[in-house]
């Protein structure tokens, strides 16, 4: 059945193991593999479990709940909702935090369940997403004291997130600020924190350049493993595969038509006003995938001479005029995906998955 995502398990395993080796070579000893981009697909989780990572991480507690006993500690990356604190304690050993009210609720839930839950404090280094702003030292220490005085919580570490909202890059300067804050926390509590997380796939470039400040012992990696690239500059990581997951779609119509719509132009189904250039009649293929299934702006044809024209909710429109090989109705065409397309494709119930 099409459309389908094709997952190459050997390439996935290779990328996971290679990233662990790279991290270890640069002093980062404890990896966390992030499963949210592939909706914690069970086959893929089993594959990456073979790599020497210590943690499995996801933003959805629903995914962590499905893992069961993996022999790895589970990290909830998204700040817990108050409405789910008990579920977080049940199905994650570690979670990220920045709010006093949530921590108090987590402590109460952990006590009810007879557990000790590990807390990682999120520090906002300027990307302005989650975390206590790095200049608010008093608030940071107040949170530290709250966790340290609790019965059901353990202060396990610190972390930050960059590039996901504000596009702020990891640098020696902002990571040094983070490590300075971590050091102040450790001095305040009189012990070293076992988990000091140096960001996500956007930190790979800094790592491989040899400029990652000492003291970082964890990275949280998802996109690097799946797409074989770091996310600060979008560069391919040497020795990794970029086609762990590919998309295959089926051609349902093949017609020669004008390159510009005929008639008065208004808004399309998504409230967008189209802009078109008349380049004469073109051979156009419609494939059975659309915006309801996939971020169609995030895919690129793996067959030379085929380009994406646009998409509607149900169709992907292609220009196949310059393709040397003939394209036929019923033919299956392969595409490479970016992160947005990958994420949407795995989330869609209309896109099948096959494993090779």
Protein backbone atom coordinates (compact mmCIF):
# COMPACT_ATOMS: atom_id res chain seq x y z
CA UNK A 1 0.00 0.00 0.00
CA UNK A 2 1.17 3.49 -0.83
CA UNK A 3 2.23 6.07 0.18
CA UNK A 4 4.79 4.42 2.41
CA UNK A 5 7.85 5.21 4.44
CA UNK A 6 10.68 2.78 3.77
CA UNK A 7 12.94 2.25 6.79
CA UNK A 8 16.38 0.74 6.27
CA UNK A 9 17.13 -0.87 9.63
CA UNK A 10 20.80 -1.58 8.82
CA UNK A 11 21.41 2.08 8.03
CA UNK A 12 19.52 3.15 11.15
CA UNK A 13 21.62 0.84 13.33
CA UNK A 14 24.79 2.06 11.65
CA UNK A 15 23.93 5.72 12.30
CA UNK A 16 23.00 5.07 15.92
CA UNK A 17 26.21 3.17 16.64
CA UNK A 18 28.35 5.68 14.75
CA UNK A 19 26.92 8.60 16.74
CA UNK A 20 27.66 6.80 20.00
CA UNK A 21 31.26 6.25 18.91
CA UNK A 22 31.67 9.88 17.83
CA UNK A 23 30.27 11.17 21.10
CA UNK A 24 32.49 8.87 23.18
CA UNK A 25 35.57 9.97 21.24
CA UNK A 26 34.79 13.57 22.26
CA UNK A 27 34.08 12.84 25.91
CA UNK A 28 30.27 12.59 25.80
CA UNK A 29 29.61 9.29 27.53
CA UNK A 30 25.82 8.94 27.91
CA UNK A 31 23.65 9.24 24.81
CA UNK A 32 19.90 9.73 24.70
CA UNK A 33 18.17 8.73 21.48
CA UNK A 34 15.04 10.76 20.76
CA UNK A 35 12.18 8.72 19.28
CA UNK A 36 9.52 11.40 18.72
CA UNK A 37 10.26 12.01 15.02
CA UNK A 38 9.29 8.41 14.21
CA UNK A 39 6.47 8.22 16.79
CA UNK A 40 8.47 5.65 18.78
CA UNK A 41 7.95 3.04 16.05
CA UNK A 42 8.55 -0.32 17.76
CA UNK A 43 10.72 -1.82 15.00
CA UNK A 44 12.93 1.26 14.97
CA UNK A 45 13.16 1.40 18.75
CA UNK A 46 14.31 -2.23 18.83
CA UNK A 47 16.91 -1.43 16.18
CA UNK A 48 18.50 1.53 17.95
CA UNK A 49 18.39 -0.32 21.28
CA UNK A 50 21.34 -2.33 19.94
CA UNK A 51 23.52 0.80 20.09
CA UNK A 52 25.23 1.62 23.42
CA UNK A 53 22.91 4.45 24.45
CA UNK A 54 21.88 4.86 28.08
CA UNK A 55 18.58 6.71 27.65
CA UNK A 56 15.52 6.71 25.40
CA UNK A 57 13.77 10.06 25.16
CA UNK A 58 10.48 11.34 23.79
CA UNK A 59 8.24 14.39 24.10
CA UNK A 60 5.06 12.32 24.43
CA UNK A 61 4.40 10.27 27.52
CA UNK A 62 2.15 8.08 25.35
CA UNK A 63 5.26 6.88 23.52
CA UNK A 64 7.29 6.30 26.67
CA UNK A 65 4.41 4.31 28.13
CA UNK A 66 4.58 1.90 25.18
CA UNK A 67 8.28 1.20 25.73
CA UNK A 68 7.79 -0.85 28.87
CA UNK A 69 10.96 -2.24 30.41
CA UNK A 70 13.70 -1.54 27.89
CA UNK A 71 16.64 -1.76 30.21
CA UNK A 72 17.17 1.95 29.42
CA UNK A 73 16.02 4.93 31.44
CA UNK A 74 13.18 6.87 29.84
CA UNK A 75 13.27 10.66 29.59
CA UNK A 76 10.21 12.86 29.03
CA UNK A 77 11.57 15.83 27.08
CA UNK A 78 8.51 18.08 27.02
CA UNK A 79 7.71 19.82 30.31
CA UNK A 80 5.02 17.73 32.04
CA UNK A 81 1.46 18.97 32.14
CA UNK A 82 -0.06 19.17 35.60
CA UNK A 83 -2.82 16.88 34.37
CA UNK A 84 -0.33 14.08 33.64
CA UNK A 85 2.15 14.13 36.52
CA UNK A 86 1.16 10.72 37.86
CA UNK A 87 1.47 9.18 34.40
CA UNK A 88 4.91 10.77 34.03
CA UNK A 89 6.09 9.23 37.30
CA UNK A 90 4.74 5.84 36.21
CA UNK A 91 6.22 5.76 32.72
CA UNK A 92 9.37 7.92 32.80
CA UNK A 93 12.31 7.70 35.14
CA UNK A 94 13.47 11.23 34.26
CA UNK A 95 11.68 14.42 33.21
CA UNK A 96 12.63 18.03 32.39
CA UNK A 97 11.34 20.91 34.53
CA UNK A 98 11.20 24.68 34.93
CA UNK A 99 8.07 25.28 37.05
CA UNK A 100 7.74 25.15 40.85
CA UNK A 101 4.03 24.22 40.76
CA UNK A 102 4.69 21.23 38.52
CA UNK A 103 7.57 20.02 40.67
CA UNK A 104 5.41 20.09 43.79
CA UNK A 105 2.76 18.05 41.98
CA UNK A 106 5.44 15.62 40.73
CA UNK A 107 6.74 15.20 44.28
CA UNK A 108 3.26 14.40 45.58
CA UNK A 109 2.65 11.91 42.74
CA UNK A 110 6.00 10.19 43.32
CA UNK A 111 5.23 9.84 47.03
CA UNK A 112 1.81 8.35 46.28
CA UNK A 113 3.39 5.80 43.97
CA UNK A 114 6.31 5.05 46.26
CA UNK A 115 8.91 6.16 43.71
CA UNK A 116 11.86 8.53 43.45
CA UNK A 117 11.62 10.51 40.21
CA UNK A 118 14.69 12.12 38.65
CA UNK A 119 14.47 15.82 37.81
CA UNK A 120 16.49 17.68 35.18
CA UNK A 121 16.32 21.48 35.41
CA UNK A 122 15.98 23.22 32.07
CA UNK A 123 18.02 26.40 31.62
CA UNK A 124 17.03 28.85 28.87
CA UNK A 125 20.25 30.13 27.31
CA UNK A 126 18.45 32.65 25.09
CA UNK A 127 16.51 30.57 22.57
CA UNK A 128 13.39 31.59 24.54
CA UNK A 129 11.59 28.29 24.53
CA UNK A 130 11.40 26.26 27.78
CA UNK A 131 13.64 26.70 30.80
CA UNK A 132 14.49 29.12 33.59
CA UNK A 133 16.18 32.13 32.02
CA UNK A 134 19.91 31.84 32.61
CA UNK A 135 20.19 35.26 34.28
CA UNK A 136 17.61 34.36 36.95
CA UNK A 137 20.09 32.80 39.38
CA UNK A 138 17.79 33.27 42.37
CA UNK A 139 14.95 31.39 40.67
CA UNK A 140 17.30 28.59 39.60
CA UNK A 141 18.56 28.08 43.15
CA UNK A 142 15.02 28.21 44.53
CA UNK A 143 14.10 25.33 42.24
CA UNK A 144 17.24 23.45 43.26
CA UNK A 145 16.32 23.83 46.94
CA UNK A 146 12.75 22.72 46.25
CA UNK A 147 13.89 19.47 44.61
CA UNK A 148 16.58 18.84 47.23
CA UNK A 149 14.06 19.20 50.06
CA UNK A 150 11.44 16.96 48.46
CA UNK A 151 10.75 13.35 49.38
CA UNK A 152 9.81 11.92 45.99
CA UNK A 153 12.27 13.77 43.71
CA UNK A 154 15.99 13.60 43.01
CA UNK A 155 17.91 16.43 41.36
CA UNK A 156 19.55 14.49 38.56
CA UNK A 157 20.94 17.09 36.18
CA UNK A 158 20.70 20.16 33.98
CA UNK A 159 19.90 20.66 30.31
CA UNK A 160 19.16 23.32 27.73
CA UNK A 161 17.55 23.50 24.32
CA UNK A 162 18.76 25.60 21.39
CA UNK A 163 17.77 26.15 17.72
CA UNK A 164 14.24 24.72 18.04
CA UNK A 165 12.47 28.08 18.41
CA UNK A 166 14.81 31.07 18.36
CA UNK A 167 17.41 29.46 16.07
CA UNK A 168 20.16 30.32 18.57
CA UNK A 169 23.23 28.22 17.82
CA UNK A 170 25.22 26.29 20.43
CA UNK A 171 28.56 28.07 20.93
CA UNK A 172 31.50 27.83 23.27
CA UNK A 173 30.19 31.00 24.96
CA UNK A 174 26.63 29.91 25.74
CA UNK A 175 27.64 26.35 26.66
CA UNK A 176 30.27 27.76 29.01
CA UNK A 177 27.52 29.85 30.63
CA UNK A 178 25.46 26.70 31.03
CA UNK A 179 28.37 24.82 32.60
CA UNK A 180 29.03 27.72 34.95
CA UNK A 181 25.41 27.57 36.16
CA UNK A 182 25.67 23.81 36.54
CA UNK A 183 28.85 24.25 38.56
CA UNK A 184 27.12 26.75 40.86
CA UNK A 185 24.31 24.25 41.43
CA UNK A 186 26.79 21.48 42.21
CA UNK A 187 28.62 23.74 44.65
CA UNK A 188 25.33 24.66 46.30
CA UNK A 189 24.24 21.04 46.86
CA UNK A 190 27.71 19.65 47.53
CA UNK A 191 27.74 16.95 44.89
CA UNK A 192 28.23 16.44 41.15
CA UNK A 193 25.20 16.06 38.92
CA UNK A 194 25.31 12.84 36.88
CA UNK A 195 23.40 14.26 33.90
CA UNK A 196 24.70 17.39 32.13
CA UNK A 197 23.03 17.50 28.74
CA UNK A 198 24.63 19.55 26.00
CA UNK A 199 21.66 19.88 23.69
CA UNK A 200 20.34 18.15 20.60
CA UNK A 201 21.49 17.43 17.04
CA UNK A 202 22.44 21.11 16.65
CA UNK A 203 25.37 20.49 19.02
CA UNK A 204 27.00 17.92 16.73
CA UNK A 205 28.95 20.51 14.72
CA UNK A 206 30.51 21.90 17.90
CA UNK A 207 31.25 18.38 19.10
CA UNK A 208 32.99 17.29 15.90
CA UNK A 209 35.00 20.52 15.73
CA UNK A 210 36.56 19.59 19.08
CA UNK A 211 35.24 22.80 20.68
CA UNK A 212 32.60 21.24 22.95
CA UNK A 213 33.47 22.49 26.47
CA UNK A 214 34.46 19.78 28.93
CA UNK A 215 31.81 18.79 31.44
CA UNK A 216 29.03 17.90 28.98
CA UNK A 217 28.28 14.18 29.31
CA UNK A 218 25.02 13.82 27.37
CA UNK A 219 23.47 14.66 24.01
CA UNK A 220 19.86 14.09 22.96
CA UNK A 221 19.89 12.98 19.33
CA UNK A 222 17.08 12.21 16.93
CA UNK A 223 17.41 14.04 13.63
CA UNK A 224 21.14 13.31 13.35
CA UNK A 225 20.41 9.61 13.66
CA UNK A 226 17.55 9.61 11.15
CA UNK A 227 18.78 12.07 8.52
CA UNK A 228 22.54 11.85 9.01
CA UNK A 229 23.01 15.60 9.42
CA UNK A 230 23.61 18.10 12.17
CA UNK A 231 20.95 20.78 12.53
CA UNK A 232 22.91 23.94 13.32
CA UNK A 233 24.14 24.36 9.74
CA UNK A 234 22.40 21.48 7.97
CA UNK A 235 25.63 19.72 7.05
CA UNK A 236 25.89 15.98 6.47
CA UNK A 237 27.76 14.11 9.20
CA UNK A 238 30.71 12.18 7.76
CA UNK A 239 30.20 8.43 7.83
CA UNK A 240 26.44 8.57 8.34
CA UNK A 241 23.62 7.66 5.95
CA UNK A 242 21.17 10.38 4.92
CA UNK A 243 18.56 7.95 3.58
CA UNK A 244 17.63 5.85 6.59
CA UNK A 245 14.00 6.68 5.77
CA UNK A 246 12.65 7.36 2.28
CA UNK A 247 9.17 8.02 0.96
CA UNK A 248 7.53 6.09 -1.89
CA UNK A 249 4.39 7.38 -3.63
CA UNK A 250 2.24 6.08 -6.49
CA UNK A 251 1.40 8.00 -9.68
CA UNK A 252 -2.38 8.20 -10.26
CA UNK A 253 -2.52 10.65 -13.19
CA UNK A 254 -0.14 11.62 -15.96
CA UNK A 255 -1.18 14.44 -18.30
CA UNK A 256 0.33 17.24 -20.35
CA UNK A 257 -1.19 20.53 -19.19
CA UNK A 258 -0.44 24.28 -19.19
CA UNK A 259 2.00 25.47 -16.53
CA UNK A 260 -0.39 28.22 -15.38
CA UNK A 261 -3.98 27.77 -14.14
CA UNK A 262 -6.66 29.15 -16.46
CA UNK A 263 -9.00 31.76 -15.01
CA UNK A 264 -9.18 34.37 -12.27
CA UNK A 265 -6.83 33.51 -9.38
CA UNK A 266 -8.09 33.60 -5.78
CA UNK A 267 -7.18 31.58 -2.69
CA UNK A 268 -6.59 27.87 -2.58
CA UNK A 269 -8.00 25.44 0.00
CA UNK A 270 -5.35 26.51 2.53
CA UNK A 271 -5.95 30.24 2.20
CA UNK A 272 -2.92 30.78 0.00
CA UNK A 273 -2.85 32.85 -3.19
CA UNK A 274 -0.85 31.06 -5.84
CA UNK A 275 1.87 32.60 -7.98
CA UNK A 276 2.67 30.95 -11.30
CA UNK A 277 5.15 31.35 -14.16
CA UNK A 278 4.14 30.38 -17.69
CA UNK A 279 6.81 28.05 -19.09
CA UNK A 280 4.51 26.37 -21.60
CA UNK A 281 2.88 22.94 -21.54
CA UNK A 282 4.46 20.47 -19.10
CA UNK A 283 4.13 16.77 -18.41
CA UNK A 284 2.54 16.63 -14.95
CA UNK A 285 2.14 13.67 -12.61
CA UNK A 286 -0.29 13.51 -9.71
CA UNK A 287 0.64 11.18 -6.86
CA UNK A 288 -1.62 9.89 -4.09
CA UNK A 289 -0.25 11.84 -1.15
CA UNK A 290 -1.08 15.31 0.08
CA UNK A 291 -0.85 17.78 2.91
CA UNK A 292 -3.16 15.72 5.09
CA UNK A 293 -0.51 12.98 5.00
CA UNK A 294 2.80 14.79 4.80
CA UNK A 295 4.60 18.13 4.74
CA UNK A 296 4.93 18.02 0.97
CA UNK A 297 7.22 21.07 0.94
CA UNK A 298 9.84 18.95 2.72
CA UNK A 299 10.41 16.23 0.13
CA UNK A 300 12.79 16.01 -2.83
CA UNK A 301 12.64 13.51 -5.66
CA UNK A 302 15.37 10.88 -5.75
CA UNK A 303 14.81 10.51 -9.47
CA UNK A 304 16.63 13.07 -11.57
CA UNK A 305 14.48 15.41 -13.63
CA UNK A 306 11.38 15.30 -11.38
CA UNK A 307 10.46 18.41 -9.40
CA UNK A 308 7.66 19.20 -6.98
CA UNK A 309 5.18 21.75 -8.33
CA UNK A 310 2.89 21.94 -5.33
CA UNK A 311 0.34 20.03 -3.30
CA UNK A 312 -3.26 19.97 -2.15
CA UNK A 313 -4.77 18.05 0.75
CA UNK A 314 -4.88 14.84 -1.35
CA UNK A 315 -2.31 15.19 -4.15
CA UNK A 316 1.35 15.91 -4.72
CA UNK A 317 1.86 17.58 -8.11
CA UNK A 318 5.06 16.84 -9.99
CA UNK A 319 6.70 18.12 -13.15
CA UNK A 320 8.18 15.06 -14.89
CA UNK A 321 8.89 16.67 -18.26
CA UNK A 322 12.66 16.56 -17.83
CA UNK A 323 12.84 13.03 -16.42
CA UNK A 324 14.87 10.88 -18.82
CA UNK A 325 13.14 7.67 -17.77
CA UNK A 326 9.49 7.41 -18.68
CA UNK A 327 6.98 7.85 -15.87
CA UNK A 328 3.78 5.79 -15.96
CA UNK A 329 0.49 5.67 -14.08
CA UNK A 330 0.92 3.16 -11.26
CA UNK A 331 4.66 3.75 -11.03
CA UNK A 332 6.25 4.16 -7.60
CA UNK A 333 8.47 7.22 -7.16
CA UNK A 334 11.01 7.62 -4.32
CA UNK A 335 11.67 10.81 -2.33
CA UNK A 336 14.03 12.03 0.36
CA UNK A 337 12.51 13.78 3.38
CA UNK A 338 13.50 16.65 5.62
CA UNK A 339 12.71 16.64 9.34
CA UNK A 340 9.27 18.22 9.01
CA UNK A 341 8.17 15.73 6.35
CA UNK A 342 9.58 12.83 8.36
CA UNK A 343 7.75 13.92 11.51
CA UNK A 344 4.43 14.40 9.74
CA UNK A 345 4.76 11.17 7.77
CA UNK A 346 5.29 9.04 10.86
CA UNK A 347 2.42 10.77 12.62
CA UNK A 348 -0.04 10.22 9.75
CA UNK A 349 -2.21 7.11 9.86
CA UNK A 350 -2.51 7.28 6.07
CA UNK A 351 1.19 6.62 5.43
CA UNK A 352 2.27 2.98 5.70
CA UNK A 353 5.63 1.76 6.98
CA UNK A 354 7.82 -0.98 5.56
CA UNK A 355 11.16 -2.22 6.89
CA UNK A 356 14.15 -3.40 4.89
